[in-house]
Amino acid sequence: MCVNFLNEEPSFIFYPFTREDFDSGIEATLALRDINPLITGSIFGWNVHHAPLARNAKTGSLVARVTLTTRIRCSLEAANVTLSSSDVNSWPLLITPTGWPREEETSVSTHVLQQLDLNSHVLVTNIPGKVHFRYLHLVRRRARRDETNKREIVYVAVIGDTEANVQAREARPDVRWVRESGYCIRFTEVNKTTIDVIYDRSSQCESEKHAQELFVDWAEVACRWLQRITSSKLVQSG
């Protein structure tokens, strides 16, 4: 199908994902997030696990990664409602261009392209500019039990693609498709009023400066979310 944007950004052809393509993209992302770097500091109630910049062995891209962890006085159900009731345009951007001003966030367009089930979607985001920054992303919510049988809810958003979509794209100098970025938010129930939170972010980046800009954005997103979900509740780092 042909995807058009409201503000006349360049259109493109989209081919729906198979269930296999969708699940493989999500599971590959979850596998990478089982490895957490050491704690390197703290910020606004979050422990910071900051990994050094590294090259993707397959693509050669420079990759930035950070994991933020905390414990909050909030039920698993309340945290789930807070995230699942959010509008798609309020979700964190997976990546932004280097030097991109945050005040231009209202010009970003995000659209749902495909719903595989109630908790699995394919979306597109376009960040306008002289060169449009654009990506397809896979989003999934899943309730499950962790390895210690504790209840948890896992949200995953990751840039995904298929060969059919890559081949269908017209090469344009004013559109750049981003291929590597994502996040995982994991709520694990400690008891009826407390949860542990892991917020893991990674993204391709152009330089160390770009990585620093992304880290600031990620920390701001985490802090805004924490303020929203906890209100006046006590936050415990740990």
C-alpha atoms as a PDB file:
ATOM      1  CA  MET A   1       0.000   0.000   0.000  1.00  0.00           C
ATOM      2  CA  CYS A   2       1.030   3.610  -0.529  1.00  0.00           C
ATOM      3  CA  VAL A   3       1.641   5.534   2.709  1.00  0.00           C
ATOM      4  CA  ASN A   4       1.009   9.288   2.583  1.00  0.00           C
ATOM      5  CA  PHE A   5       1.731  11.870   5.274  1.00  0.00           C
ATOM      6  CA  LEU A   6      -0.489  14.823   6.197  1.00  0.00           C
ATOM      7  CA  ASN A   7       2.203  17.466   5.681  1.00  0.00           C
ATOM      8  CA  GLU A   8       3.148  16.283   2.182  1.00  0.00           C
ATOM      9  CA  GLU A   9       6.321  14.504   3.237  1.00  0.00           C
ATOM     10  CA  PRO A  10       7.477  12.035   0.551  1.00  0.00           C
ATOM     11  CA  SER A  11       5.229   8.960   0.347  1.00  0.00           C
ATOM     12  CA  PHE A  12       6.433   5.357   0.218  1.00  0.00           C
ATOM     13  CA  ILE A  13       5.208   1.825  -0.478  1.00  0.00           C
ATOM     14  CA  PHE A  14       4.677  -0.502   2.497  1.00  0.00           C
ATOM     15  CA  TYR A  15       4.400  -4.279   2.442  1.00  0.00           C
ATOM     16  CA  PRO A  16       2.900  -5.837   5.616  1.00  0.00           C
ATOM     17  CA  PHE A  17       5.125  -7.903   7.881  1.00  0.00           C
ATOM     18  CA  THR A  18       4.551 -11.617   8.281  1.00  0.00           C
ATOM     19  CA  ARG A  19       4.148 -12.851  11.836  1.00  0.00           C
ATOM     20  CA  GLU A  20       7.527 -14.563  11.533  1.00  0.00           C
ATOM     21  CA  ASP A  21       9.296 -11.384  10.389  1.00  0.00           C
ATOM     22  CA  PHE A  22       7.707  -9.389  13.203  1.00  0.00           C
ATOM     23  CA  ASP A  23       8.491 -11.873  15.975  1.00  0.00           C
ATOM     24  CA  SER A  24      12.079 -12.439  14.845  1.00  0.00           C
ATOM     25  CA  GLY A  25      12.760  -8.693  14.989  1.00  0.00           C
ATOM     26  CA  ILE A  26      11.343  -8.441  18.507  1.00  0.00           C
ATOM     27  CA  GLU A  27      13.071 -11.554  19.849  1.00  0.00           C
ATOM     28  CA  ALA A  28      16.458 -10.507  18.463  1.00  0.00           C
ATOM     29  CA  THR A  29      16.123  -7.243  20.371  1.00  0.00           C
ATOM     30  CA  LEU A  30      15.145  -8.985  23.614  1.00  0.00           C
ATOM     31  CA  ALA A  31      18.134 -11.318  23.346  1.00  0.00           C
ATOM     32  CA  LEU A  32      20.530  -8.374  23.240  1.00  0.00           C
ATOM     33  CA  ARG A  33      18.957  -6.837  26.323  1.00  0.00           C
ATOM     34  CA  ASP A  34      19.764  -9.763  28.562  1.00  0.00           C
ATOM     35  CA  ILE A  35      23.293  -8.354  28.933  1.00  0.00           C
ATOM     36  CA  ASN A  36      23.437  -5.329  31.274  1.00  0.00           C
ATOM     37  CA  PRO A  37      26.587  -3.208  31.684  1.00  0.00           C
ATOM     38  CA  LEU A  38      27.848  -2.184  35.122  1.00  0.00           C
ATOM     39  CA  ILE A  39      26.321   0.726  37.053  1.00  0.00           C
ATOM     40  CA  THR A  40      28.225   3.909  36.236  1.00  0.00           C
ATOM     41  CA  GLY A  41      26.144   6.512  38.090  1.00  0.00           C
ATOM     42  CA  SER A  42      22.633   7.718  38.867  1.00  0.00           C
ATOM     43  CA  ILE A  43      20.249  10.388  37.617  1.00  0.00           C
ATOM     44  CA  PHE A  44      16.906  11.528  39.069  1.00  0.00           C
ATOM     45  CA  GLY A  45      16.143   8.253  40.825  1.00  0.00           C
ATOM     46  CA  TRP A  46      17.519   5.983  38.098  1.00  0.00           C
ATOM     47  CA  ASN A  47      20.659   3.869  38.243  1.00  0.00           C
ATOM     48  CA  VAL A  48      22.667   4.348  35.051  1.00  0.00           C
ATOM     49  CA  HIS A  49      24.331   1.367  33.349  1.00  0.00           C
ATOM     50  CA  HIS A  50      26.263   3.058  30.542  1.00  0.00           C
ATOM     51  CA  ALA A  51      28.024   0.877  27.971  1.00  0.00           C
ATOM     52  CA  PRO A  52      30.882   2.289  25.873  1.00  0.00           C
ATOM     53  CA  LEU A  53      30.289   3.069  22.210  1.00  0.00           C
ATOM     54  CA  ALA A  54      30.789   0.000  20.050  1.00  0.00           C
ATOM     55  CA  ARG A  55      30.625  -1.029  16.407  1.00  0.00           C
ATOM     56  CA  ASN A  56      27.914  -3.381  15.172  1.00  0.00           C
ATOM     57  CA  ALA A  57      29.879  -6.356  13.881  1.00  0.00           C
ATOM     58  CA  LYS A  58      27.458  -6.923  10.983  1.00  0.00           C
ATOM     59  CA  THR A  59      26.720  -3.379   9.799  1.00  0.00           C
ATOM     60  CA  GLY A  60      29.721  -1.416  11.036  1.00  0.00           C
ATOM     61  CA  SER A  61      27.412   1.201  12.582  1.00  0.00           C
ATOM     62  CA  LEU A  62      28.498   3.027  15.729  1.00  0.00           C
ATOM     63  CA  VAL A  63      26.051   2.016  18.479  1.00  0.00           C
ATOM     64  CA  ALA A  64      25.226   3.845  21.725  1.00  0.00           C
ATOM     65  CA  ARG A  65      23.565   2.020  24.595  1.00  0.00           C
ATOM     66  CA  VAL A  66      22.373   2.781  28.100  1.00  0.00           C
ATOM     67  CA  THR A  67      20.258   0.889  30.624  1.00  0.00           C
ATOM     68  CA  LEU A  68      18.360   2.734  33.372  1.00  0.00           C
ATOM     69  CA  THR A  69      16.983   0.844  36.384  1.00  0.00           C
ATOM     70  CA  THR A  70      14.914   1.817  39.399  1.00  0.00           C
ATOM     71  CA  ARG A  71      12.353   0.564  41.909  1.00  0.00           C
ATOM     72  CA  ILE A  72       9.095   2.470  42.337  1.00  0.00           C
ATOM     73  CA  ARG A  73       6.061   2.307  44.595  1.00  0.00           C
ATOM     74  CA  CYS A  74       3.464   1.539  41.943  1.00  0.00           C
ATOM     75  CA  SER A  75       1.411  -1.530  41.130  1.00  0.00           C
ATOM     76  CA  LEU A  76       2.139  -3.532  37.994  1.00  0.00           C
ATOM     77  CA  GLU A  77      -1.378  -2.826  36.744  1.00  0.00           C
ATOM     78  CA  ALA A  78      -1.055   0.951  37.201  1.00  0.00           C
ATOM     79  CA  ALA A  79       2.255   1.075  35.341  1.00  0.00           C
ATOM     80  CA  ASN A  80       0.781  -0.984  32.524  1.00  0.00           C
ATOM     81  CA  VAL A  81      -2.239   1.301  32.179  1.00  0.00           C
ATOM     82  CA  THR A  82      -0.024   4.391  32.073  1.00  0.00           C
ATOM     83  CA  LEU A  83       1.957   3.117  29.094  1.00  0.00           C
ATOM     84  CA  SER A  84      -0.746   1.231  27.207  1.00  0.00           C
ATOM     85  CA  SER A  85      -3.137   4.204  27.291  1.00  0.00           C
ATOM     86  CA  SER A  86      -0.587   6.610  25.774  1.00  0.00           C
ATOM     87  CA  ASP A  87      -1.141   7.989  22.273  1.00  0.00           C
ATOM     88  CA  VAL A  88       1.391   6.785  19.684  1.00  0.00           C
ATOM     89  CA  ASN A  89       2.579  10.348  19.119  1.00  0.00           C
ATOM     90  CA  SER A  90       3.603  10.584  22.785  1.00  0.00           C
ATOM     91  CA  TRP A  91       5.821   7.493  22.643  1.00  0.00           C
ATOM     92  CA  PRO A  92       9.603   8.024  22.795  1.00  0.00           C
ATOM     93  CA  LEU A  93      11.304   8.590  19.450  1.00  0.00           C
ATOM     94  CA  LEU A  94      13.671   5.734  18.697  1.00  0.00           C
ATOM     95  CA  ILE A  95      16.310   8.058  17.261  1.00  0.00           C
ATOM     96  CA  THR A  96      16.730  11.710  16.283  1.00  0.00           C
ATOM     97  CA  PRO A  97      19.234  13.347  13.898  1.00  0.00           C
ATOM     98  CA  THR A  98      22.367  14.894  15.326  1.00  0.00           C
ATOM     99  CA  GLY A  99      21.758  18.486  16.409  1.00  0.00           C
ATOM    100  CA  TRP A 100      17.975  18.073  16.175  1.00  0.00           C
ATOM    101  CA  PRO A 101      16.117  20.655  18.332  1.00  0.00           C
ATOM    102  CA  ARG A 102      13.660  19.048  20.766  1.00  0.00           C
ATOM    103  CA  GLU A 103      11.162  21.897  20.271  1.00  0.00           C
ATOM    104  CA  GLU A 104      10.458  20.539  16.787  1.00  0.00           C
ATOM    105  CA  GLU A 105       8.996  17.342  18.237  1.00  0.00           C
ATOM    106  CA  THR A 106       5.442  18.476  17.396  1.00  0.00           C
ATOM    107  CA  SER A 107       6.282  18.265  13.684  1.00  0.00           C
ATOM    108  CA  VAL A 108       7.072  14.537  13.914  1.00  0.00           C
ATOM    109  CA  SER A 109       4.524  12.164  12.337  1.00  0.00           C
ATOM    110  CA  THR A 110       3.888   8.622  13.591  1.00  0.00           C
ATOM    111  CA  HIS A 111       1.284   6.319  12.033  1.00  0.00           C
ATOM    112  CA  VAL A 112       0.150   2.756  12.683  1.00  0.00           C
ATOM    113  CA  LEU A 113       0.574   0.756   9.462  1.00  0.00           C
ATOM    114  CA  GLN A 114      -0.320  -2.744  10.627  1.00  0.00           C
ATOM    115  CA  GLN A 115      -1.871  -4.487  13.637  1.00  0.00           C
ATOM    116  CA  LEU A 116      -0.959  -8.150  13.970  1.00  0.00           C
ATOM    117  CA  ASP A 117      -2.907  -8.565  17.221  1.00  0.00           C
ATOM    118  CA  LEU A 118      -4.072  -6.418  20.121  1.00  0.00           C
ATOM    119  CA  ASN A 119      -0.512  -5.970  21.429  1.00  0.00           C
ATOM    120  CA  SER A 120       1.604  -6.096  18.241  1.00  0.00           C
ATOM    121  CA  HIS A 121       1.886  -3.218  15.761  1.00  0.00           C
ATOM    122  CA  VAL A 122       4.038  -1.919  12.917  1.00  0.00           C
ATOM    123  CA  LEU A 123       4.418   1.869  12.719  1.00  0.00           C
ATOM    124  CA  VAL A 124       6.282   4.478  10.718  1.00  0.00           C
ATOM    125  CA  THR A 125       7.806   7.671  12.096  1.00  0.00           C
ATOM    126  CA  ASN A 126       8.949  10.616   9.983  1.00  0.00           C
ATOM    127  CA  ILE A 127      11.102  13.416  11.419  1.00  0.00           C
ATOM    128  CA  PRO A 128      10.926  16.263   8.883  1.00  0.00           C
ATOM    129  CA  GLY A 129      13.859  18.343   7.716  1.00  0.00           C
ATOM    130  CA  LYS A 130      15.886  19.039   4.609  1.00  0.00           C
ATOM    131  CA  VAL A 131      16.466  15.299   4.761  1.00  0.00           C
ATOM    132  CA  HIS A 132      13.534  13.406   6.283  1.00  0.00           C
ATOM    133  CA  PHE A 133      14.671  11.017   9.033  1.00  0.00           C
ATOM    134  CA  ARG A 134      12.399   7.972   8.826  1.00  0.00           C
ATOM    135  CA  TYR A 135      12.017   4.472  10.231  1.00  0.00           C
ATOM    136  CA  LEU A 136       9.626   1.529  10.436  1.00  0.00           C
ATOM    137  CA  HIS A 137       9.269   0.195  13.962  1.00  0.00           C
ATOM    138  CA  LEU A 138       7.799  -2.885  15.566  1.00  0.00           C
ATOM    139  CA  VAL A 139       6.022  -2.474  18.910  1.00  0.00           C
ATOM    140  CA  ARG A 140       4.898  -5.299  21.180  1.00  0.00           C
ATOM    141  CA  ARG A 141       3.522  -5.563  24.715  1.00  0.00           C
ATOM    142  CA  ARG A 142       3.614  -8.900  26.504  1.00  0.00           C
ATOM    143  CA  ALA A 143       2.651 -10.061  30.005  1.00  0.00           C
ATOM    144  CA  ARG A 144       4.650 -13.038  31.254  1.00  0.00           C
ATOM    145  CA  ARG A 145       6.478 -14.631  34.197  1.00  0.00           C
ATOM    146  CA  ASP A 146      10.216 -14.106  34.600  1.00  0.00           C
ATOM    147  CA  GLU A 147      12.740 -16.827  35.440  1.00  0.00           C
ATOM    148  CA  THR A 148      11.832 -16.551  39.161  1.00  0.00           C
ATOM    149  CA  ASN A 149       8.087 -16.761  38.380  1.00  0.00           C
ATOM    150  CA  LYS A 150       7.461 -13.079  39.128  1.00  0.00           C
ATOM    151  CA  ARG A 151       4.857 -11.323  37.011  1.00  0.00           C
ATOM    152  CA  GLU A 152       6.230  -8.852  34.513  1.00  0.00           C
ATOM    153  CA  ILE A 153       5.150  -6.768  31.529  1.00  0.00           C
ATOM    154  CA  VAL A 154       7.589  -6.093  28.714  1.00  0.00           C
ATOM    155  CA  TYR A 155       7.245  -3.355  26.097  1.00  0.00           C
ATOM    156  CA  VAL A 156       9.558  -3.529  23.099  1.00  0.00           C
ATOM    157  CA  ALA A 157       9.923  -1.012  20.261  1.00  0.00           C
ATOM    158  CA  VAL A 158      12.577  -1.657  17.641  1.00  0.00           C
ATOM    159  CA  ILE A 159      13.326  -0.528  14.113  1.00  0.00           C
ATOM    160  CA  GLY A 160      12.467  -3.358  11.747  1.00  0.00           C
ATOM    161  CA  ASP A 161      12.498  -3.996   8.019  1.00  0.00           C
ATOM    162  CA  THR A 162      11.908  -6.652   5.380  1.00  0.00           C
ATOM    163  CA  GLU A 163      13.529  -7.291   2.029  1.00  0.00           C
ATOM    164  CA  ALA A 164      10.257  -6.484   0.254  1.00  0.00           C
ATOM    165  CA  ASN A 165      10.085  -3.049   1.886  1.00  0.00           C
ATOM    166  CA  VAL A 166      13.740  -2.272   1.231  1.00  0.00           C
ATOM    167  CA  GLN A 167      13.415  -3.146  -2.452  1.00  0.00           C
ATOM    168  CA  ALA A 168      10.191  -1.150  -2.850  1.00  0.00           C
ATOM    169  CA  ARG A 169      11.741   2.131  -1.677  1.00  0.00           C
ATOM    170  CA  GLU A 170      12.577   4.784  -4.182  1.00  0.00           C
ATOM    171  CA  ALA A 171      16.086   6.131  -3.679  1.00  0.00           C
ATOM    172  CA  ARG A 172      15.628   9.776  -2.698  1.00  0.00           C
ATOM    173  CA  PRO A 173      18.216  12.348  -1.575  1.00  0.00           C
ATOM    174  CA  ASP A 174      15.638  13.935   0.755  1.00  0.00           C
ATOM    175  CA  VAL A 175      14.774  10.752   2.722  1.00  0.00           C
ATOM    176  CA  ARG A 176      17.047   8.745   5.019  1.00  0.00           C
ATOM    177  CA  TRP A 177      15.811   5.414   6.380  1.00  0.00           C
ATOM    178  CA  VAL A 178      17.328   4.513   9.754  1.00  0.00           C
ATOM    179  CA  ARG A 179      18.034   0.822  10.370  1.00  0.00           C
ATOM    180  CA  GLU A 180      19.207   0.363  13.985  1.00  0.00           C
ATOM    181  CA  SER A 181      17.554   1.604  17.165  1.00  0.00           C
ATOM    182  CA  GLY A 182      15.167   0.422  19.849  1.00  0.00           C
ATOM    183  CA  TYR A 183      14.138   0.284  23.460  1.00  0.00           C
ATOM    184  CA  CYS A 184      12.765  -2.197  25.955  1.00  0.00           C
ATOM    185  CA  ILE A 185      10.796  -1.306  29.092  1.00  0.00           C
ATOM    186  CA  ARG A 186      10.378  -4.095  31.628  1.00  0.00           C
ATOM    187  CA  PHE A 187       8.161  -3.899  34.719  1.00  0.00           C
ATOM    188  CA  THR A 188       8.698  -6.717  37.227  1.00  0.00           C
ATOM    189  CA  GLU A 189       6.369  -7.076  40.205  1.00  0.00           C
ATOM    190  CA  VAL A 190       8.111  -7.055  43.588  1.00  0.00           C
ATOM    191  CA  ASN A 191       4.832  -7.018  45.525  1.00  0.00           C
ATOM    192  CA  LYS A 192       1.335  -5.565  45.061  1.00  0.00           C
ATOM    193  CA  THR A 193       2.557  -1.977  45.479  1.00  0.00           C
ATOM    194  CA  THR A 194       6.125  -2.070  44.134  1.00  0.00           C
ATOM    195  CA  ILE A 195       7.790  -2.817  40.800  1.00  0.00           C
ATOM    196  CA  ASP A 196      11.318  -2.936  39.444  1.00  0.00           C
ATOM    197  CA  VAL A 197      11.806  -1.093  36.160  1.00  0.00           C
ATOM    198  CA  ILE A 198      14.448  -1.674  33.491  1.00  0.00           C
ATOM    199  CA  TYR A 199      14.559   0.860  30.654  1.00  0.00           C
ATOM    200  CA  ASP A 200      17.072  -0.182  28.005  1.00  0.00           C
ATOM    201  CA  ARG A 201      17.932   2.029  25.017  1.00  0.00           C
ATOM    202  CA  SER A 202      20.282   1.529  22.100  1.00  0.00           C
ATOM    203  CA  SER A 203      20.736   3.243  18.765  1.00  0.00           C
ATOM    204  CA  GLN A 204      23.057   3.728  15.867  1.00  0.00           C
ATOM    205  CA  CYS A 205      24.740   7.117  16.007  1.00  0.00           C
ATOM    206  CA  GLU A 206      26.988   9.243  13.842  1.00  0.00           C
ATOM    207  CA  SER A 207      29.587  10.242  16.433  1.00  0.00           C
ATOM    208  CA  GLU A 208      30.359  10.477  20.137  1.00  0.00           C
ATOM    209  CA  LYS A 209      28.631  13.886  20.162  1.00  0.00           C
ATOM    210  CA  HIS A 210      25.494  12.363  18.628  1.00  0.00           C
ATOM    211  CA  ALA A 211      25.597   9.576  21.237  1.00  0.00           C
ATOM    212  CA  GLN A 212      25.741  12.174  24.029  1.00  0.00           C
ATOM    213  CA  GLU A 213      22.735  13.990  22.546  1.00  0.00           C
ATOM    214  CA  LEU A 214      20.787  10.727  22.416  1.00  0.00           C
ATOM    215  CA  PHE A 215      21.678   9.917  26.022  1.00  0.00           C
ATOM    216  CA  VAL A 216      20.333  13.297  27.180  1.00  0.00           C
ATOM    217  CA  ASP A 217      17.098  12.654  25.253  1.00  0.00           C
ATOM    218  CA  TRP A 218      16.749   9.171  26.729  1.00  0.00           C
ATOM    219  CA  ALA A 219      17.299  10.419  30.279  1.00  0.00           C
ATOM    220  CA  GLU A 220      14.711  13.186  29.802  1.00  0.00           C
ATOM    221  CA  VAL A 221      12.172  10.672  28.494  1.00  0.00           C
ATOM    222  CA  ALA A 222      12.780   8.389  31.483  1.00  0.00           C
ATOM    223  CA  CYS A 223      12.394  11.250  33.949  1.00  0.00           C
ATOM    224  CA  ARG A 224       9.175  12.518  32.332  1.00  0.00           C
ATOM    225  CA  TRP A 225       7.742   9.025  32.371  1.00  0.00           C
ATOM    226  CA  LEU A 226       8.736   8.491  36.012  1.00  0.00           C
ATOM    227  CA  GLN A 227       7.058  11.752  37.047  1.00  0.00           C
ATOM    228  CA  ARG A 228       3.912  10.741  35.233  1.00  0.00           C
ATOM    229  CA  ILE A 229       3.644   7.233  36.606  1.00  0.00           C
ATOM    230  CA  THR A 230       4.619   7.914  40.210  1.00  0.00           C
ATOM    231  CA  SER A 231       3.099  11.366  40.783  1.00  0.00           C
ATOM    232  CA  SER A 232       3.968  12.007  44.438  1.00  0.00           C
ATOM    233  CA  LYS A 233       4.935   8.379  45.158  1.00  0.00           C
ATOM    234  CA  LEU A 234       8.324   7.618  46.687  1.00  0.00           C
ATOM    235  CA  VAL A 235      10.987   6.454  44.251  1.00  0.00           C
ATOM    236  CA  GLN A 236      13.627   4.042  45.504  1.00  0.00           C
ATOM    237  CA  SER A 237      16.810   3.508  43.508  1.00  0.00           C
ATOM    238  CA  GLY A 238      18.177   0.024  43.714  1.00  0.00           C
END
